[in-house]
């Protein structure tokens, strides 16, 4: 079993995850930096619309987003 430190060393990037408040296991995730900043200019139009929508319904449809390392 890997330790959390080992998993973080293997991280290749980060995602900003918006977890649904009503549907367990459902979330929206967007590539970001370690501080949770997303590059809106690099997103597709659909991803940008989903991201802006998720931000606008925090506390109603989605929980406060959190940064999660991506591992391979």
N, C-alpha and C. Protein backbone atom coordinates (compact mmCIF):
# COMPACT_ATOMS: atom_id res chain seq x y z
N UNK A 1 0.84 -1.18 0.00
CA UNK A 1 0.00 0.00 0.00
C UNK A 1 0.89 1.24 0.00
N UNK A 2 0.53 2.22 -0.84
CA UNK A 2 1.32 3.44 -0.94
C UNK A 2 0.90 4.44 0.13
N UNK A 3 1.87 5.17 0.61
CA UNK A 3 1.54 6.24 1.55
C UNK A 3 1.02 7.44 0.77
N UNK A 4 0.36 8.34 1.47
CA UNK A 4 -0.15 9.55 0.83
C UNK A 4 0.99 10.36 0.23
N UNK A 5 2.12 10.43 0.90
CA UNK A 5 3.27 11.18 0.38
C UNK A 5 3.75 10.58 -0.94
N UNK A 6 3.76 9.26 -1.05
CA UNK A 6 4.17 8.61 -2.29
C UNK A 6 3.20 8.96 -3.40
N UNK A 7 1.91 8.92 -3.11
CA UNK A 7 0.91 9.26 -4.11
C UNK A 7 1.05 10.69 -4.57
N UNK A 8 1.33 11.62 -3.67
CA UNK A 8 1.49 13.02 -4.05
C UNK A 8 2.71 13.22 -4.92
N UNK A 9 3.79 12.46 -4.66
CA UNK A 9 4.99 12.56 -5.50
C UNK A 9 4.70 12.09 -6.91
N UNK A 10 3.75 11.18 -7.06
CA UNK A 10 3.41 10.65 -8.37
C UNK A 10 2.37 11.50 -9.08
N UNK A 11 1.88 12.55 -8.44
CA UNK A 11 0.87 13.41 -9.04
C UNK A 11 1.42 14.06 -10.31
N UNK A 12 0.62 14.05 -11.35
CA UNK A 12 1.04 14.66 -12.61
C UNK A 12 0.28 15.95 -12.88
N UNK A 13 -0.66 16.27 -12.05
CA UNK A 13 -1.46 17.48 -12.21
C UNK A 13 -2.51 17.54 -11.12
N UNK A 14 -3.44 18.44 -11.30
CA UNK A 14 -4.48 18.63 -10.31
C UNK A 14 -5.81 18.88 -11.00
N UNK A 15 -6.88 18.55 -10.30
CA UNK A 15 -8.22 18.90 -10.76
C UNK A 15 -8.95 19.60 -9.63
N UNK A 16 -9.82 20.51 -10.01
CA UNK A 16 -10.70 21.18 -9.07
C UNK A 16 -12.02 20.44 -9.15
N UNK A 17 -12.41 19.78 -8.05
CA UNK A 17 -13.59 18.89 -8.06
C UNK A 17 -14.75 19.55 -7.33
N UNK A 18 -15.89 19.60 -8.03
CA UNK A 18 -17.15 20.07 -7.48
C UNK A 18 -18.02 18.83 -7.25
N UNK A 19 -18.20 18.42 -6.02
CA UNK A 19 -18.97 17.22 -5.68
C UNK A 19 -20.45 17.58 -5.57
N UNK A 20 -21.31 16.77 -6.18
CA UNK A 20 -22.75 16.99 -6.10
C UNK A 20 -23.23 16.84 -4.66
N UNK A 21 -24.16 17.69 -4.26
CA UNK A 21 -24.75 17.58 -2.92
C UNK A 21 -25.86 16.54 -2.87
N UNK A 22 -26.38 16.14 -4.03
CA UNK A 22 -27.55 15.27 -4.06
C UNK A 22 -27.32 13.91 -4.70
N UNK A 23 -26.28 13.77 -5.50
CA UNK A 23 -26.03 12.51 -6.20
C UNK A 23 -24.64 11.99 -5.83
N UNK A 24 -24.61 11.02 -4.94
CA UNK A 24 -23.34 10.46 -4.48
C UNK A 24 -22.54 9.93 -5.67
N UNK A 25 -21.28 10.27 -5.71
CA UNK A 25 -20.41 9.83 -6.79
C UNK A 25 -20.44 10.72 -8.02
N UNK A 26 -21.33 11.69 -8.06
CA UNK A 26 -21.40 12.58 -9.21
C UNK A 26 -20.65 13.87 -8.89
N UNK A 27 -19.84 14.31 -9.84
CA UNK A 27 -19.04 15.52 -9.64
C UNK A 27 -18.64 16.08 -11.00
N UNK A 28 -18.21 17.32 -10.97
CA UNK A 28 -17.57 17.94 -12.12
C UNK A 28 -16.13 18.22 -11.72
N UNK A 29 -15.20 17.96 -12.61
CA UNK A 29 -13.78 18.17 -12.31
C UNK A 29 -13.12 18.88 -13.48
N UNK A 30 -12.26 19.83 -13.14
CA UNK A 30 -11.60 20.67 -14.14
C UNK A 30 -10.12 20.75 -13.84
N UNK A 31 -9.28 20.63 -14.88
CA UNK A 31 -7.84 20.76 -14.68
C UNK A 31 -7.53 22.11 -14.06
N UNK A 32 -6.57 22.10 -13.12
CA UNK A 32 -6.20 23.34 -12.44
C UNK A 32 -4.76 23.23 -11.98
N UNK A 33 -4.26 24.29 -11.35
CA UNK A 33 -2.94 24.23 -10.75
C UNK A 33 -3.09 23.83 -9.28
N UNK A 34 -2.00 23.75 -8.56
CA UNK A 34 -2.03 23.28 -7.18
C UNK A 34 -2.85 24.20 -6.27
N UNK A 35 -3.05 25.45 -6.68
CA UNK A 35 -3.83 26.40 -5.88
C UNK A 35 -5.31 26.40 -6.27
N UNK A 36 -5.68 25.59 -7.27
CA UNK A 36 -7.08 25.52 -7.69
C UNK A 36 -7.47 26.50 -8.78
N UNK A 37 -6.50 27.16 -9.37
CA UNK A 37 -6.80 28.11 -10.45
C UNK A 37 -6.94 27.35 -11.77
N UNK A 38 -8.02 27.63 -12.49
CA UNK A 38 -8.25 27.01 -13.79
C UNK A 38 -7.91 28.02 -14.89
N UNK A 39 -7.57 27.51 -16.06
CA UNK A 39 -7.26 28.36 -17.21
C UNK A 39 -8.50 28.39 -18.11
N UNK A 40 -9.34 29.40 -17.93
CA UNK A 40 -10.58 29.49 -18.69
C UNK A 40 -10.32 29.54 -20.19
N UNK A 41 -9.23 30.17 -20.60
CA UNK A 41 -8.92 30.29 -22.03
C UNK A 41 -8.56 28.95 -22.66
N UNK A 42 -8.06 28.01 -21.87
CA UNK A 42 -7.66 26.71 -22.40
C UNK A 42 -8.83 25.71 -22.42
N UNK A 43 -9.95 26.05 -21.79
CA UNK A 43 -11.10 25.15 -21.72
C UNK A 43 -11.92 25.20 -23.01
N UNK A 44 -12.56 24.09 -23.31
CA UNK A 44 -13.54 24.10 -24.39
C UNK A 44 -14.73 24.96 -23.95
N UNK A 45 -15.55 25.36 -24.88
CA UNK A 45 -16.71 26.18 -24.53
C UNK A 45 -17.63 25.44 -23.57
N UNK A 46 -17.86 24.17 -23.82
CA UNK A 46 -18.74 23.37 -22.96
C UNK A 46 -18.17 23.26 -21.54
N UNK A 47 -16.86 22.99 -21.44
CA UNK A 47 -16.23 22.90 -20.11
C UNK A 47 -16.32 24.23 -19.38
N UNK A 48 -16.11 25.33 -20.10
CA UNK A 48 -16.19 26.65 -19.48
C UNK A 48 -17.61 26.92 -18.96
N UNK A 49 -18.62 26.57 -19.73
CA UNK A 49 -20.01 26.74 -19.30
C UNK A 49 -20.28 25.90 -18.07
N UNK A 50 -19.84 24.64 -18.07
CA UNK A 50 -20.04 23.76 -16.90
C UNK A 50 -19.32 24.29 -15.67
N UNK A 51 -18.10 24.79 -15.86
CA UNK A 51 -17.33 25.33 -14.74
C UNK A 51 -18.03 26.55 -14.14
N UNK A 52 -18.44 27.48 -14.98
CA UNK A 52 -19.10 28.69 -14.50
C UNK A 52 -20.43 28.36 -13.83
N UNK A 53 -21.14 27.39 -14.37
CA UNK A 53 -22.40 26.95 -13.74
C UNK A 53 -22.12 26.34 -12.36
N UNK A 54 -21.16 25.44 -12.28
CA UNK A 54 -20.83 24.80 -11.00
C UNK A 54 -20.47 25.84 -9.95
N UNK A 55 -19.68 26.84 -10.34
CA UNK A 55 -19.32 27.91 -9.39
C UNK A 55 -20.54 28.68 -8.92
N UNK A 56 -21.51 28.86 -9.80
CA UNK A 56 -22.67 29.68 -9.45
C UNK A 56 -23.67 28.96 -8.55
N UNK A 57 -23.56 27.64 -8.44
CA UNK A 57 -24.53 26.89 -7.62
C UNK A 57 -23.86 26.18 -6.43
N UNK A 58 -22.69 26.67 -6.02
CA UNK A 58 -22.04 26.14 -4.82
C UNK A 58 -22.98 26.36 -3.64
N UNK A 59 -23.21 25.32 -2.88
CA UNK A 59 -24.10 25.41 -1.73
C UNK A 59 -25.53 25.06 -2.06
N UNK A 60 -25.88 25.04 -3.34
CA UNK A 60 -27.23 24.64 -3.76
C UNK A 60 -27.20 23.29 -4.45
N UNK A 61 -26.31 23.11 -5.42
CA UNK A 61 -26.20 21.85 -6.14
C UNK A 61 -24.86 21.15 -5.92
N UNK A 62 -23.81 21.95 -5.69
CA UNK A 62 -22.47 21.40 -5.51
C UNK A 62 -21.87 21.90 -4.20
N UNK A 63 -21.04 21.05 -3.61
CA UNK A 63 -20.30 21.43 -2.41
C UNK A 63 -19.16 22.37 -2.79
N UNK A 64 -18.56 23.00 -1.82
CA UNK A 64 -17.39 23.83 -2.06
C UNK A 64 -16.32 22.98 -2.74
N UNK A 65 -15.77 23.45 -3.85
CA UNK A 65 -14.80 22.63 -4.58
C UNK A 65 -13.50 22.45 -3.81
N UNK A 66 -12.79 21.38 -4.15
CA UNK A 66 -11.49 21.12 -3.53
C UNK A 66 -10.52 20.66 -4.61
N UNK A 67 -9.24 20.90 -4.36
CA UNK A 67 -8.18 20.50 -5.30
C UNK A 67 -7.77 19.08 -4.97
N UNK A 68 -7.65 18.28 -6.02
CA UNK A 68 -7.29 16.87 -5.87
C UNK A 68 -6.15 16.55 -6.84
N UNK A 69 -5.07 15.94 -6.36
CA UNK A 69 -3.99 15.58 -7.29
C UNK A 69 -4.44 14.43 -8.19
N UNK A 70 -3.99 14.47 -9.42
CA UNK A 70 -4.24 13.36 -10.33
C UNK A 70 -3.02 12.47 -10.33
N UNK A 71 -3.19 11.19 -10.26
CA UNK A 71 -2.08 10.24 -10.23
C UNK A 71 -2.25 9.22 -11.34
N UNK A 72 -1.11 8.73 -11.79
CA UNK A 72 -1.10 7.72 -12.85
C UNK A 72 -0.30 6.54 -12.40
